[in-house]
Amino acid sequence: MEIQIEVQLFANGAKFLQSGSCTVITTDFRKEPEWTAAVSAYEWFLKIKSSVGYPDDFQIIRVVYNLENDITSLVRKVRPKIKDDLPF
């Protein structure tokens, strides 16, 4: 399933807007649409951040999916999973 995401960011003293579509798992989206969209937006944000070259200065201003659903606070709460490889 495709959703439209619009991300407003602040980096290196300037605001900019990035928008596009992301693929989400339909069953996850039906269960928790906002959280599923937030995770996809966060993954997209990380890709943008790594490609631009100002990784420490990035701030999320606003994130909207499907043109009307503000998920900014949820995207700010998303954290990457850390794989635990410890033997104990």
PDB file of N, CA and C in Angstrom:
ATOM      1  N   MET A   1       0.845  -1.162   0.000  1.00  0.00           N
ATOM      2  CA  MET A   1       0.000   0.000   0.000  1.00  0.00           C
ATOM      3  C   MET A   1       0.899   1.236   0.000  1.00  0.00           C
ATOM      4  N   GLU A   2       0.518   2.233  -0.734  1.00  0.00           N
ATOM      5  CA  GLU A   2       1.282   3.478  -0.816  1.00  0.00           C
ATOM      6  C   GLU A   2       0.602   4.579   0.001  1.00  0.00           C
ATOM      7  N   ILE A   3       1.411   5.361   0.711  1.00  0.00           N
ATOM      8  CA  ILE A   3       0.914   6.557   1.390  1.00  0.00           C
ATOM      9  C   ILE A   3       1.789   7.735   0.975  1.00  0.00           C
ATOM     10  N   GLN A   4       1.225   8.913   0.995  1.00  0.00           N
ATOM     11  CA  GLN A   4       1.960  10.128   0.675  1.00  0.00           C
ATOM     12  C   GLN A   4       2.499  10.731   1.972  1.00  0.00           C
ATOM     13  N   ILE A   5       3.782  11.083   1.963  1.00  0.00           N
ATOM     14  CA  ILE A   5       4.396  11.676   3.148  1.00  0.00           C
ATOM     15  C   ILE A   5       5.024  13.001   2.773  1.00  0.00           C
ATOM     16  N   GLU A   6       4.821  13.986   3.631  1.00  0.00           N
ATOM     17  CA  GLU A   6       5.422  15.310   3.475  1.00  0.00           C
ATOM     18  C   GLU A   6       6.185  15.629   4.750  1.00  0.00           C
ATOM     19  N   VAL A   7       7.477  15.893   4.624  1.00  0.00           N
ATOM     20  CA  VAL A   7       8.335  16.145   5.773  1.00  0.00           C
ATOM     21  C   VAL A   7       8.921  17.556   5.656  1.00  0.00           C
ATOM     22  N   GLN A   8       8.709  18.363   6.680  1.00  0.00           N
ATOM     23  CA  GLN A   8       9.326  19.684   6.750  1.00  0.00           C
ATOM     24  C   GLN A   8      10.474  19.592   7.737  1.00  0.00           C
ATOM     25  N   LEU A   9      11.666  19.975   7.278  1.00  0.00           N
ATOM     26  CA  LEU A   9      12.881  19.839   8.077  1.00  0.00           C
ATOM     27  C   LEU A   9      13.600  21.167   8.206  1.00  0.00           C
ATOM     28  N   PHE A  10      14.443  21.250   9.215  1.00  0.00           N
ATOM     29  CA  PHE A  10      15.322  22.397   9.400  1.00  0.00           C
ATOM     30  C   PHE A  10      16.744  21.853   9.479  1.00  0.00           C
ATOM     31  N   ALA A  11      17.610  22.364   8.608  1.00  0.00           N
ATOM     32  CA  ALA A  11      18.997  21.912   8.605  1.00  0.00           C
ATOM     33  C   ALA A  11      19.892  23.024   8.071  1.00  0.00           C
ATOM     34  N   ASN A  12      21.032  23.170   8.697  1.00  0.00           N
ATOM     35  CA  ASN A  12      22.030  24.128   8.256  1.00  0.00           C
ATOM     36  C   ASN A  12      21.455  25.536   8.114  1.00  0.00           C
ATOM     37  N   GLY A  13      20.586  25.922   9.041  1.00  0.00           N
ATOM     38  CA  GLY A  13      20.026  27.265   9.059  1.00  0.00           C
ATOM     39  C   GLY A  13      18.894  27.507   8.085  1.00  0.00           C
ATOM     40  N   ALA A  14      18.375  26.483   7.447  1.00  0.00           N
ATOM     41  CA  ALA A  14      17.303  26.663   6.470  1.00  0.00           C
ATOM     42  C   ALA A  14      16.226  25.595   6.637  1.00  0.00           C
ATOM     43  N   LYS A  15      14.988  25.988   6.306  1.00  0.00           N
ATOM     44  CA  LYS A  15      13.876  25.037   6.297  1.00  0.00           C
ATOM     45  C   LYS A  15      13.731  24.487   4.891  1.00  0.00           C
ATOM     46  N   PHE A  16      13.373  23.213   4.789  1.00  0.00           N
ATOM     47  CA  PHE A  16      13.056  22.670   3.483  1.00  0.00           C
ATOM     48  C   PHE A  16      12.003  21.588   3.604  1.00  0.00           C
ATOM     49  N   LEU A  17      11.387  21.298   2.468  1.00  0.00           N
ATOM     50  CA  LEU A  17      10.270  20.365   2.390  1.00  0.00           C
ATOM     51  C   LEU A  17      10.641  19.224   1.466  1.00  0.00           C
ATOM     52  N   GLN A  18      10.337  18.017   1.898  1.00  0.00           N
ATOM     53  CA  GLN A  18      10.557  16.824   1.085  1.00  0.00           C
ATOM     54  C   GLN A  18       9.243  16.061   1.086  1.00  0.00           C
ATOM     55  N   SER A  19       8.775  15.664  -0.090  1.00  0.00           N
ATOM     56  CA  SER A  19       7.537  14.891  -0.140  1.00  0.00           C
ATOM     57  C   SER A  19       7.667  13.767  -1.153  1.00  0.00           C
ATOM     58  N   GLY A  20       6.858  12.734  -0.943  1.00  0.00           N
ATOM     59  CA  GLY A  20       6.876  11.587  -1.834  1.00  0.00           C
ATOM     60  C   GLY A  20       5.983  10.493  -1.294  1.00  0.00           C
ATOM     61  N   SER A  21       6.078   9.342  -1.905  1.00  0.00           N
ATOM     62  CA  SER A  21       5.249   8.229  -1.451  1.00  0.00           C
ATOM     63  C   SER A  21       6.121   7.135  -0.856  1.00  0.00           C
ATOM     64  N   CYS A  22       5.557   6.432   0.104  1.00  0.00           N
ATOM     65  CA  CYS A  22       6.235   5.327   0.781  1.00  0.00           C
ATOM     66  C   CYS A  22       5.318   4.108   0.758  1.00  0.00           C
ATOM     67  N   THR A  23       5.928   2.957   0.712  1.00  0.00           N
ATOM     68  CA  THR A  23       5.173   1.719   0.777  1.00  0.00           C
ATOM     69  C   THR A  23       5.084   1.256   2.225  1.00  0.00           C
ATOM     70  N   VAL A  24       3.880   0.892   2.642  1.00  0.00           N
ATOM     71  CA  VAL A  24       3.670   0.351   3.988  1.00  0.00           C
ATOM     72  C   VAL A  24       2.965  -0.998   3.860  1.00  0.00           C
ATOM     73  N   ILE A  25       3.112  -1.819   4.874  1.00  0.00           N
ATOM     74  CA  ILE A  25       2.432  -3.116   4.898  1.00  0.00           C
ATOM     75  C   ILE A  25       0.957  -2.871   5.211  1.00  0.00           C
ATOM     76  N   THR A  26       0.100  -3.321   4.332  1.00  0.00           N
ATOM     77  CA  THR A  26      -1.333  -3.032   4.423  1.00  0.00           C
ATOM     78  C   THR A  26      -1.943  -3.495   5.733  1.00  0.00           C
ATOM     79  N   THR A  27      -1.615  -4.694   6.192  1.00  0.00           N
ATOM     80  CA  THR A  27      -2.210  -5.195   7.439  1.00  0.00           C
ATOM     81  C   THR A  27      -1.770  -4.370   8.639  1.00  0.00           C
ATOM     82  N   ASP A  28      -0.507  -3.959   8.664  1.00  0.00           N
ATOM     83  CA  ASP A  28      -0.041  -3.092   9.753  1.00  0.00           C
ATOM     84  C   ASP A  28      -0.749  -1.747   9.711  1.00  0.00           C
ATOM     85  N   PHE A  29      -0.917  -1.205   8.501  1.00  0.00           N
ATOM     86  CA  PHE A  29      -1.563   0.095   8.348  1.00  0.00           C
ATOM     87  C   PHE A  29      -3.021   0.055   8.788  1.00  0.00           C
ATOM     88  N   ARG A  30      -3.705  -1.046   8.516  1.00  0.00           N
ATOM     89  CA  ARG A  30      -5.109  -1.174   8.937  1.00  0.00           C
ATOM     90  C   ARG A  30      -5.233  -1.245  10.455  1.00  0.00           C
ATOM     91  N   LYS A  31      -4.257  -1.885  11.110  1.00  0.00           N
ATOM     92  CA  LYS A  31      -4.288  -2.012  12.574  1.00  0.00           C
ATOM     93  C   LYS A  31      -3.932  -0.690  13.251  1.00  0.00           C
ATOM     94  N   GLU A  32      -2.826  -0.091  12.823  1.00  0.00           N
ATOM     95  CA  GLU A  32      -2.331   1.147  13.434  1.00  0.00           C
ATOM     96  C   GLU A  32      -1.831   2.094  12.346  1.00  0.00           C
ATOM     97  N   PRO A  33      -2.749   2.810  11.682  1.00  0.00           N
ATOM     98  CA  PRO A  33      -2.344   3.626  10.544  1.00  0.00           C
ATOM     99  C   PRO A  33      -1.338   4.722  10.887  1.00  0.00           C
ATOM    100  N   GLU A  34      -1.548   5.423  11.970  1.00  0.00           N
ATOM    101  CA  GLU A  34      -0.644   6.531  12.298  1.00  0.00           C
ATOM    102  C   GLU A  34       0.747   6.036  12.686  1.00  0.00           C
ATOM    103  N   TRP A  35       0.820   4.984  13.491  1.00  0.00           N
ATOM    104  CA  TRP A  35       2.131   4.463  13.901  1.00  0.00           C
ATOM    105  C   TRP A  35       2.894   3.874  12.713  1.00  0.00           C
ATOM    106  N   THR A  36       2.194   3.146  11.853  1.00  0.00           N
ATOM    107  CA  THR A  36       2.822   2.572  10.666  1.00  0.00           C
ATOM    108  C   THR A  36       3.347   3.669   9.755  1.00  0.00           C
ATOM    109  N   ALA A  37       2.577   4.715   9.570  1.00  0.00           N
ATOM    110  CA  ALA A  37       3.027   5.853   8.758  1.00  0.00           C
ATOM    111  C   ALA A  37       4.207   6.556   9.416  1.00  0.00           C
ATOM    112  N   ALA A  38       4.198   6.666  10.743  1.00  0.00           N
ATOM    113  CA  ALA A  38       5.295   7.321  11.459  1.00  0.00           C
ATOM    114  C   ALA A  38       6.600   6.546  11.309  1.00  0.00           C
ATOM    115  N   VAL A  39       6.536   5.229  11.387  1.00  0.00           N
ATOM    116  CA  VAL A  39       7.749   4.418  11.227  1.00  0.00           C
ATOM    117  C   VAL A  39       8.310   4.570   9.815  1.00  0.00           C
ATOM    118  N   SER A  40       7.442   4.545   8.815  1.00  0.00           N
ATOM    119  CA  SER A  40       7.895   4.738   7.431  1.00  0.00           C
ATOM    120  C   SER A  40       8.474   6.130   7.228  1.00  0.00           C
ATOM    121  N   ALA A  41       7.840   7.133   7.807  1.00  0.00           N
ATOM    122  CA  ALA A  41       8.347   8.503   7.697  1.00  0.00           C
ATOM    123  C   ALA A  41       9.701   8.644   8.376  1.00  0.00           C
ATOM    124  N   TYR A  42       9.876   7.990   9.518  1.00  0.00           N
ATOM    125  CA  TYR A  42      11.159   8.042  10.224  1.00  0.00           C
ATOM    126  C   TYR A  42      12.262   7.385   9.401  1.00  0.00           C
ATOM    127  N   GLU A  43      11.973   6.239   8.799  1.00  0.00           N
ATOM    128  CA  GLU A  43      12.959   5.570   7.946  1.00  0.00           C
ATOM    129  C   GLU A  43      13.329   6.460   6.763  1.00  0.00           C
ATOM    130  N   TRP A  44      12.340   7.111   6.202  1.00  0.00           N
ATOM    131  CA  TRP A  44      12.577   8.027   5.080  1.00  0.00           C
ATOM    132  C   TRP A  44      13.410   9.219   5.535  1.00  0.00           C
ATOM    133  N   PHE A  45      13.088   9.749   6.714  1.00  0.00           N
ATOM    134  CA  PHE A  45      13.844  10.856   7.295  1.00  0.00           C
ATOM    135  C   PHE A  45      15.321  10.491   7.460  1.00  0.00           C
ATOM    136  N   LEU A  46      15.593   9.271   7.932  1.00  0.00           N
ATOM    137  CA  LEU A  46      16.983   8.827   8.094  1.00  0.00           C
ATOM    138  C   LEU A  46      17.722   8.771   6.761  1.00  0.00           C
ATOM    139  N   LYS A  47      17.037   8.344   5.713  1.00  0.00           N
ATOM    140  CA  LYS A  47      17.649   8.314   4.380  1.00  0.00           C
ATOM    141  C   LYS A  47      17.970   9.729   3.899  1.00  0.00           C
ATOM    142  N   ILE A  48      17.046  10.651   4.113  1.00  0.00           N
ATOM    143  CA  ILE A  48      17.273  12.049   3.724  1.00  0.00           C
ATOM    144  C   ILE A  48      18.448  12.608   4.503  1.00  0.00           C
ATOM    145  N   LYS A  49      18.454  12.360   5.788  1.00  0.00           N
ATOM    146  CA  LYS A  49      19.505  12.875   6.671  1.00  0.00           C
ATOM    147  C   LYS A  49      20.883  12.382   6.250  1.00  0.00           C
ATOM    148  N   SER A  50      20.994  11.116   5.911  1.00  0.00           N
ATOM    149  CA  SER A  50      22.298  10.573   5.535  1.00  0.00           C
ATOM    150  C   SER A  50      22.742  11.049   4.154  1.00  0.00           C
ATOM    151  N   SER A  51      21.806  11.348   3.278  1.00  0.00           N
ATOM    152  CA  SER A  51      22.182  11.765   1.930  1.00  0.00           C
ATOM    153  C   SER A  51      22.556  13.241   1.829  1.00  0.00           C
ATOM    154  N   VAL A  52      22.058  14.069   2.739  1.00  0.00           N
ATOM    155  CA  VAL A  52      22.290  15.509   2.645  1.00  0.00           C
ATOM    156  C   VAL A  52      23.653  15.913   3.198  1.00  0.00           C
ATOM    157  N   GLY A  53      24.087  15.313   4.278  1.00  0.00           N
ATOM    158  CA  GLY A  53      25.411  15.613   4.798  1.00  0.00           C
ATOM    159  C   GLY A  53      25.447  16.553   5.987  1.00  0.00           C
ATOM    160  N   TYR A  54      24.311  16.871   6.597  1.00  0.00           N
ATOM    161  CA  TYR A  54      24.276  17.676   7.811  1.00  0.00           C
ATOM    162  C   TYR A  54      23.624  16.862   8.923  1.00  0.00           C
ATOM    163  N   PRO A  55      24.158  15.719   9.274  1.00  0.00           N
ATOM    164  CA  PRO A  55      23.439  14.807  10.175  1.00  0.00           C
ATOM    165  C   PRO A  55      23.197  15.345  11.575  1.00  0.00           C
ATOM    166  N   ASP A  56      24.056  16.177  12.101  1.00  0.00           N
ATOM    167  CA  ASP A  56      23.881  16.636  13.478  1.00  0.00           C
ATOM    168  C   ASP A  56      22.917  17.811  13.601  1.00  0.00           C
ATOM    169  N   ASP A  57      22.678  18.515  12.510  1.00  0.00           N
ATOM    170  CA  ASP A  57      21.893  19.736  12.541  1.00  0.00           C
ATOM    171  C   ASP A  57      20.436  19.531  12.142  1.00  0.00           C
ATOM    172  N   PHE A  58      20.016  18.316  11.847  1.00  0.00           N
ATOM    173  CA  PHE A  58      18.668  18.064  11.360  1.00  0.00           C
ATOM    174  C   PHE A  58      17.637  18.134  12.473  1.00  0.00           C
ATOM    175  N   GLN A  59      16.518  18.799  12.173  1.00  0.00           N
ATOM    176  CA  GLN A  59      15.379  18.850  13.092  1.00  0.00           C
ATOM    177  C   GLN A  59      14.104  18.621  12.290  1.00  0.00           C
ATOM    178  N   ILE A  60      13.214  17.827  12.832  1.00  0.00           N
ATOM    179  CA  ILE A  60      11.921  17.598  12.200  1.00  0.00           C
ATOM    180  C   ILE A  60      10.989  18.718  12.639  1.00  0.00           C
ATOM    181  N   ILE A  61      10.422  19.424  11.685  1.00  0.00           N
ATOM    182  CA  ILE A  61       9.464  20.487  11.998  1.00  0.00           C
ATOM    183  C   ILE A  61       8.041  19.944  11.954  1.00  0.00           C
ATOM    184  N   ARG A  62       7.711  19.258  10.861  1.00  0.00           N
ATOM    185  CA  ARG A  62       6.348  18.747  10.699  1.00  0.00           C
ATOM    186  C   ARG A  62       6.350  17.554   9.751  1.00  0.00           C
ATOM    187  N   VAL A  63       5.523  16.556  10.048  1.00  0.00           N
ATOM    188  CA  VAL A  63       5.360  15.390   9.181  1.00  0.00           C
ATOM    189  C   VAL A  63       3.864  15.131   9.022  1.00  0.00           C
ATOM    190  N   VAL A  64       3.446  14.988   7.765  1.00  0.00           N
ATOM    191  CA  VAL A  64       2.037  14.751   7.445  1.00  0.00           C
ATOM    192  C   VAL A  64       1.967  13.580   6.468  1.00  0.00           C
ATOM    193  N   TYR A  65       0.983  12.704   6.667  1.00  0.00           N
ATOM    194  CA  TYR A  65       0.777  11.659   5.669  1.00  0.00           C
ATOM    195  C   TYR A  65      -0.609  11.797   5.062  1.00  0.00           C
ATOM    196  N   ASN A  66      -0.717  11.429   3.796  1.00  0.00           N
ATOM    197  CA  ASN A  66      -1.944  11.545   3.004  1.00  0.00           C
ATOM    198  C   ASN A  66      -2.550  12.945   3.080  1.00  0.00           C
ATOM    199  N   LEU A  67      -1.695  13.952   3.084  1.00  0.00           N
ATOM    200  CA  LEU A  67      -2.020  15.376   2.980  1.00  0.00           C
ATOM    201  C   LEU A  67      -2.763  15.983   4.163  1.00  0.00           C
ATOM    202  N   GLU A  68      -3.204  15.198   5.132  1.00  0.00           N
ATOM    203  CA  GLU A  68      -4.012  15.790   6.198  1.00  0.00           C
ATOM    204  C   GLU A  68      -3.744  15.248   7.597  1.00  0.00           C
ATOM    205  N   ASN A  69      -2.993  14.187   7.743  1.00  0.00           N
ATOM    206  CA  ASN A  69      -2.799  13.551   9.047  1.00  0.00           C
ATOM    207  C   ASN A  69      -1.435  13.915   9.624  1.00  0.00           C
ATOM    208  N   ASP A  70      -1.434  14.776  10.612  1.00  0.00           N
ATOM    209  CA  ASP A  70      -0.189  15.227  11.236  1.00  0.00           C
ATOM    210  C   ASP A  70       0.308  14.160  12.215  1.00  0.00           C
ATOM    211  N   ILE A  71       1.512  13.637  11.935  1.00  0.00           N
ATOM    212  CA  ILE A  71       2.097  12.579  12.771  1.00  0.00           C
ATOM    213  C   ILE A  71       3.460  13.010  13.322  1.00  0.00           C
ATOM    214  N   THR A  72       3.673  14.306  13.432  1.00  0.00           N
ATOM    215  CA  THR A  72       4.963  14.836  13.865  1.00  0.00           C
ATOM    216  C   THR A  72       5.383  14.272  15.217  1.00  0.00           C
ATOM    217  N   SER A  73       4.497  14.292  16.190  1.00  0.00           N
ATOM    218  CA  SER A  73       4.860  13.831  17.533  1.00  0.00           C
ATOM    219  C   SER A  73       5.187  12.334  17.539  1.00  0.00           C
ATOM    220  N   LEU A  74       4.488  11.551  16.740  1.00  0.00           N
ATOM    221  CA  LEU A  74       4.782  10.112  16.670  1.00  0.00           C
ATOM    222  C   LEU A  74       6.138   9.853  16.016  1.00  0.00           C
ATOM    223  N   VAL A  75       6.453  10.580  14.955  1.00  0.00           N
ATOM    224  CA  VAL A  75       7.739  10.386  14.277  1.00  0.00           C
ATOM    225  C   VAL A  75       8.886  10.713  15.229  1.00  0.00           C
ATOM    226  N   ARG A  76       8.710  11.721  16.054  1.00  0.00           N
ATOM    227  CA  ARG A  76       9.751  12.080  17.026  1.00  0.00           C
ATOM    228  C   ARG A  76       9.945  11.003  18.092  1.00  0.00           C
ATOM    229  N   LYS A  77       8.940  10.161  18.313  1.00  0.00           N
ATOM    230  CA  LYS A  77       9.035   9.093  19.310  1.00  0.00           C
ATOM    231  C   LYS A  77       9.638   7.801  18.759  1.00  0.00           C
ATOM    232  N   VAL A  78       9.684   7.666  17.442  1.00  0.00           N
ATOM    233  CA  VAL A  78      10.212   6.446  16.830  1.00  0.00           C
ATOM    234  C   VAL A  78      11.710   6.354  17.100  1.00  0.00           C
ATOM    235  N   ARG A  79      12.144   5.182  17.492  1.00  0.00           N
ATOM    236  CA  ARG A  79      13.572   4.915  17.728  1.00  0.00           C
ATOM    237  C   ARG A  79      13.940   3.624  17.020  1.00  0.00           C
ATOM    238  N   PRO A  80      15.136   3.540  16.486  1.00  0.00           N
ATOM    239  CA  PRO A  80      15.546   2.295  15.820  1.00  0.00           C
ATOM    240  C   PRO A  80      15.695   1.157  16.824  1.00  0.00           C
ATOM    241  N   LYS A  81      15.379  -0.046  16.375  1.00  0.00           N
ATOM    242  CA  LYS A  81      15.583  -1.216  17.212  1.00  0.00           C
ATOM    243  C   LYS A  81      17.060  -1.554  17.217  1.00  0.00           C
ATOM    244  N   ILE A  82      17.585  -1.859  18.384  1.00  0.00           N
ATOM    245  CA  ILE A  82      18.990  -2.254  18.510  1.00  0.00           C
ATOM    246  C   ILE A  82      19.012  -3.752  18.724  1.00  0.00           C
ATOM    247  N   LYS A  83      19.722  -4.427  17.838  1.00  0.00           N
ATOM    248  CA  LYS A  83      19.809  -5.877  17.921  1.00  0.00           C
ATOM    249  C   LYS A  83      20.736  -6.250  19.076  1.00  0.00           C
ATOM    250  N   ASP A  84      20.263  -7.117  19.931  1.00  0.00           N
ATOM    251  CA  ASP A  84      21.031  -7.557  21.093  1.00  0.00           C
ATOM    252  C   ASP A  84      21.765  -8.842  20.766  1.00  0.00           C
ATOM    253  N   ASP A  85      23.064  -8.742  20.536  1.00  0.00           N
ATOM    254  CA  ASP A  85      23.879  -9.913  20.200  1.00  0.00           C
ATOM    255  C   ASP A  85      24.698 -10.417  21.400  1.00  0.00           C
ATOM    256  N   LEU A  86      24.479  -9.864  22.530  1.00  0.00           N
ATOM    257  CA  LEU A  86      25.295 -10.229  23.692  1.00  0.00           C
ATOM    258  C   LEU A  86      25.028 -11.662  24.125  1.00  0.00           C
ATOM    259  N   PRO A  87      26.052 -12.377  24.511  1.00  0.00           N
ATOM    260  CA  PRO A  87      25.884 -13.788  24.887  1.00  0.00           C
ATOM    261  C   PRO A  87      25.308 -13.991  26.285  1.00  0.00           C
ATOM    262  N   PHE A  88      25.078 -12.942  27.036  1.00  0.00           N
ATOM    263  CA  PHE A  88      24.562 -13.108  28.395  1.00  0.00           C
ATOM    264  C   PHE A  88      23.277 -12.362  28.582  1.00  0.00           C
TER     265      PHE A  88
END
